[in-house]
Amino acid sequence: MTLENAVRAFAGIMVLVSVALTAWVSPHFVWLTLFIGANLLQSAFTGICPAVKILQKLGFQSRNA
């Protein structure tokens, strides 16, 4: 799996987990969902994504590498 695919998978999993927590644990977890969305939006414009650095340290390689 490439780094790009891993980032998309990680973001999708985080959104699903945060929605499940909102539905079954507390409605306050909606803030986590909003944070994830805001982070995705800012990374689209700035190119800075904290998940990329974490996944690179876990051994994922970019398809351009």
Protein backbone atom coordinates (compact mmCIF):
# COMPACT_ATOMS: atom_id res chain seq x y z
CA MET A 1 0.00 0.00 0.00
CA THR A 2 1.38 3.39 -0.91
CA LEU A 3 1.61 6.32 1.48
CA GLU A 4 -1.14 8.16 -0.38
CA ASN A 5 -3.55 5.23 -0.08
CA ALA A 6 -2.65 4.75 3.58
CA VAL A 7 -3.48 8.41 4.31
CA ARG A 8 -6.87 8.06 2.63
CA ALA A 9 -7.59 4.82 4.49
CA PHE A 10 -6.55 6.36 7.81
CA ALA A 11 -8.75 9.42 7.24
CA GLY A 12 -11.72 7.24 6.32
CA ILE A 13 -11.29 5.03 9.37
CA MET A 14 -11.01 8.06 11.64
CA VAL A 15 -14.20 9.59 10.23
CA LEU A 16 -16.10 6.33 10.66
CA VAL A 17 -14.83 5.87 14.22
CA SER A 18 -15.71 9.45 15.17
CA VAL A 19 -19.22 9.12 13.72
CA ALA A 20 -19.73 5.85 15.63
CA LEU A 21 -18.51 7.49 18.85
CA THR A 22 -20.89 10.40 18.24
CA ALA A 23 -23.83 8.06 17.74
CA TRP A 24 -23.15 5.57 20.53
CA VAL A 25 -21.06 7.32 23.18
CA SER A 26 -21.58 11.08 23.26
CA PRO A 27 -22.75 13.75 20.84
CA HIS A 28 -19.67 15.75 21.81
CA PHE A 29 -17.56 13.46 19.62
CA VAL A 30 -18.93 15.42 16.66
CA TRP A 31 -16.06 17.82 17.41
CA LEU A 32 -13.60 15.06 16.51
CA THR A 33 -15.37 14.61 13.17
CA LEU A 34 -15.19 18.35 12.54
CA PHE A 35 -11.49 18.41 13.46
CA ILE A 36 -10.77 15.60 10.99
CA GLY A 37 -12.66 17.42 8.24
CA ALA A 38 -10.87 20.69 8.95
CA ASN A 39 -7.51 18.93 8.91
CA LEU A 40 -8.30 17.32 5.54
CA LEU A 41 -9.34 20.68 4.13
CA GLN A 42 -6.23 22.52 5.33
CA SER A 43 -3.95 19.76 4.07
CA ALA A 44 -5.51 20.08 0.62
CA PHE A 45 -4.46 23.74 0.49
CA THR A 46 -1.15 23.65 2.37
CA GLY A 47 0.16 20.16 1.65
CA ILE A 48 0.91 19.70 5.36
CA CYS A 49 -0.61 16.57 6.90
CA PRO A 50 0.47 15.21 10.30
CA ALA A 51 -0.71 11.71 9.34
CA VAL A 52 1.86 11.59 6.52
CA LYS A 53 4.76 12.00 8.93
CA ILE A 54 3.38 9.31 11.23
CA LEU A 55 2.75 6.85 8.40
CA GLN A 56 6.22 7.49 6.93
CA LYS A 57 7.75 6.57 10.29
CA LEU A 58 5.69 3.36 10.16
CA GLY A 59 7.36 2.47 6.87
CA PHE A 60 4.90 3.55 4.17
CA GLN A 61 6.55 4.83 1.00
CA SER A 62 5.24 7.36 -1.49
CA ARG A 63 4.63 6.12 -5.01
CA ASN A 64 6.98 8.89 -6.19
CA ALA A 65 9.85 7.65 -4.03
